[in-house]
């Protein structure tokens, strides 16, 4: 689930956990957790378009346990070390 850009731009309305994920085996009602970062109250009415659902493939990765990882050029460098200059 993703927020609608128009609500964010015009009213400061967003989704708290975005993007939200719905597990493939879930069968219950879908709820949207919204937040108002705007300055004015915002009313949501029945039938209002408040979020967008993106349907996509789920890829299941095979996990291979190893004793140690290979060295890379980046090494253990963290934030700000993606190679972009």
C-alpha atoms as a PDB file:
ATOM      1  CA  UNK A   1       0.000   0.000   0.000  1.00  0.00           C
ATOM      2  CA  UNK A   2       1.272   3.447  -0.892  1.00  0.00           C
ATOM      3  CA  UNK A   3       0.064   6.974  -0.170  1.00  0.00           C
ATOM      4  CA  UNK A   4      -1.605   9.144  -2.807  1.00  0.00           C
ATOM      5  CA  UNK A   5       0.658  12.010  -3.820  1.00  0.00           C
ATOM      6  CA  UNK A   6      -2.205  14.482  -4.240  1.00  0.00           C
ATOM      7  CA  UNK A   7      -3.320  14.070  -0.623  1.00  0.00           C
ATOM      8  CA  UNK A   8       0.247  14.565   0.560  1.00  0.00           C
ATOM      9  CA  UNK A   9       0.826  17.637  -1.595  1.00  0.00           C
ATOM     10  CA  UNK A  10      -2.491  19.392  -0.993  1.00  0.00           C
ATOM     11  CA  UNK A  11      -3.326  18.337   2.584  1.00  0.00           C
ATOM     12  CA  UNK A  12      -0.248  16.789   4.230  1.00  0.00           C
ATOM     13  CA  UNK A  13      -1.926  13.380   4.489  1.00  0.00           C
ATOM     14  CA  UNK A  14       0.282  10.273   4.408  1.00  0.00           C
ATOM     15  CA  UNK A  15       0.554   6.658   5.473  1.00  0.00           C
ATOM     16  CA  UNK A  16       2.423   5.780   8.645  1.00  0.00           C
ATOM     17  CA  UNK A  17       4.030   2.538   7.455  1.00  0.00           C
ATOM     18  CA  UNK A  18       4.636   3.073   3.788  1.00  0.00           C
ATOM     19  CA  UNK A  19       5.016   1.075   1.753  1.00  0.00           C
ATOM     20  CA  UNK A  20       2.806  -1.339   3.643  1.00  0.00           C
ATOM     21  CA  UNK A  21       2.956  -5.023   2.762  1.00  0.00           C
ATOM     22  CA  UNK A  22       0.028  -7.435   2.756  1.00  0.00           C
ATOM     23  CA  UNK A  23       1.178 -11.043   3.107  1.00  0.00           C
ATOM     24  CA  UNK A  24       0.075 -13.375   0.331  1.00  0.00           C
ATOM     25  CA  UNK A  25      -1.849 -15.636   2.729  1.00  0.00           C
ATOM     26  CA  UNK A  26      -3.749 -12.815   4.489  1.00  0.00           C
ATOM     27  CA  UNK A  27      -7.526 -13.005   3.989  1.00  0.00           C
ATOM     28  CA  UNK A  28      -8.933 -10.335   6.329  1.00  0.00           C
ATOM     29  CA  UNK A  29     -10.024  -6.744   5.912  1.00  0.00           C
ATOM     30  CA  UNK A  30      -7.320  -4.310   4.792  1.00  0.00           C
ATOM     31  CA  UNK A  31      -6.772  -1.290   7.033  1.00  0.00           C
ATOM     32  CA  UNK A  32      -4.783   1.852   6.289  1.00  0.00           C
ATOM     33  CA  UNK A  33      -2.878   3.696   9.049  1.00  0.00           C
ATOM     34  CA  UNK A  34      -2.919   7.368   8.109  1.00  0.00           C
ATOM     35  CA  UNK A  35      -1.296  10.495   9.522  1.00  0.00           C
ATOM     36  CA  UNK A  36      -2.085  14.180   9.054  1.00  0.00           C
ATOM     37  CA  UNK A  37       1.099  16.251   8.823  1.00  0.00           C
ATOM     38  CA  UNK A  38      -0.947  19.197   7.567  1.00  0.00           C
ATOM     39  CA  UNK A  39      -2.059  22.232   9.535  1.00  0.00           C
ATOM     40  CA  UNK A  40      -5.816  21.657   9.104  1.00  0.00           C
ATOM     41  CA  UNK A  41      -8.162  18.819  10.086  1.00  0.00           C
ATOM     42  CA  UNK A  42      -8.886  16.413   7.236  1.00  0.00           C
ATOM     43  CA  UNK A  43     -12.035  14.316   6.971  1.00  0.00           C
ATOM     44  CA  UNK A  44     -12.031  10.975   5.145  1.00  0.00           C
ATOM     45  CA  UNK A  45     -15.378   9.986   3.702  1.00  0.00           C
ATOM     46  CA  UNK A  46     -16.718   6.651   2.531  1.00  0.00           C
ATOM     47  CA  UNK A  47     -15.425   5.919  -0.966  1.00  0.00           C
ATOM     48  CA  UNK A  48     -12.548   8.426  -0.816  1.00  0.00           C
ATOM     49  CA  UNK A  49      -9.381   7.304  -2.568  1.00  0.00           C
ATOM     50  CA  UNK A  50      -6.837   7.369   0.262  1.00  0.00           C
ATOM     51  CA  UNK A  51      -4.144   4.870  -0.794  1.00  0.00           C
ATOM     52  CA  UNK A  52      -2.877   2.882  -3.764  1.00  0.00           C
ATOM     53  CA  UNK A  53      -2.266  -0.851  -3.868  1.00  0.00           C
ATOM     54  CA  UNK A  54       0.602  -2.182  -5.949  1.00  0.00           C
ATOM     55  CA  UNK A  55       0.354  -5.866  -6.835  1.00  0.00           C
ATOM     56  CA  UNK A  56       3.677  -7.480  -7.623  1.00  0.00           C
ATOM     57  CA  UNK A  57       5.457 -10.813  -7.792  1.00  0.00           C
ATOM     58  CA  UNK A  58       7.021 -12.289  -4.693  1.00  0.00           C
ATOM     59  CA  UNK A  59      10.458 -13.772  -5.235  1.00  0.00           C
ATOM     60  CA  UNK A  60      11.681 -16.319  -2.758  1.00  0.00           C
ATOM     61  CA  UNK A  61      15.443 -16.261  -2.366  1.00  0.00           C
ATOM     62  CA  UNK A  62      17.472 -19.323  -1.566  1.00  0.00           C
ATOM     63  CA  UNK A  63      19.641 -18.778   1.503  1.00  0.00           C
ATOM     64  CA  UNK A  64      23.181 -20.147   1.545  1.00  0.00           C
ATOM     65  CA  UNK A  65      24.891 -20.092   4.921  1.00  0.00           C
ATOM     66  CA  UNK A  66      28.626 -19.393   4.788  1.00  0.00           C
ATOM     67  CA  UNK A  67      31.356 -19.091   7.390  1.00  0.00           C
ATOM     68  CA  UNK A  68      32.498 -15.656   6.098  1.00  0.00           C
ATOM     69  CA  UNK A  69      31.702 -13.181   3.322  1.00  0.00           C
ATOM     70  CA  UNK A  70      34.113 -12.365   0.504  1.00  0.00           C
ATOM     71  CA  UNK A  71      35.930  -9.033   0.651  1.00  0.00           C
ATOM     72  CA  UNK A  72      34.579  -6.229  -1.570  1.00  0.00           C
ATOM     73  CA  UNK A  73      35.974  -2.874  -2.650  1.00  0.00           C
ATOM     74  CA  UNK A  74      33.485  -1.093  -0.378  1.00  0.00           C
ATOM     75  CA  UNK A  75      34.275  -3.299   2.608  1.00  0.00           C
ATOM     76  CA  UNK A  76      32.642  -2.190   5.850  1.00  0.00           C
ATOM     77  CA  UNK A  77      32.126   1.437   4.806  1.00  0.00           C
ATOM     78  CA  UNK A  78      28.523   2.439   5.598  1.00  0.00           C
ATOM     79  CA  UNK A  79      26.437   5.552   4.984  1.00  0.00           C
ATOM     80  CA  UNK A  80      27.911   7.904   2.413  1.00  0.00           C
ATOM     81  CA  UNK A  81      30.210   5.278   0.904  1.00  0.00           C
ATOM     82  CA  UNK A  82      28.195   4.050  -2.090  1.00  0.00           C
ATOM     83  CA  UNK A  83      30.930   4.990  -4.566  1.00  0.00           C
ATOM     84  CA  UNK A  84      29.176   8.133  -5.808  1.00  0.00           C
ATOM     85  CA  UNK A  85      31.538  11.111  -5.979  1.00  0.00           C
END
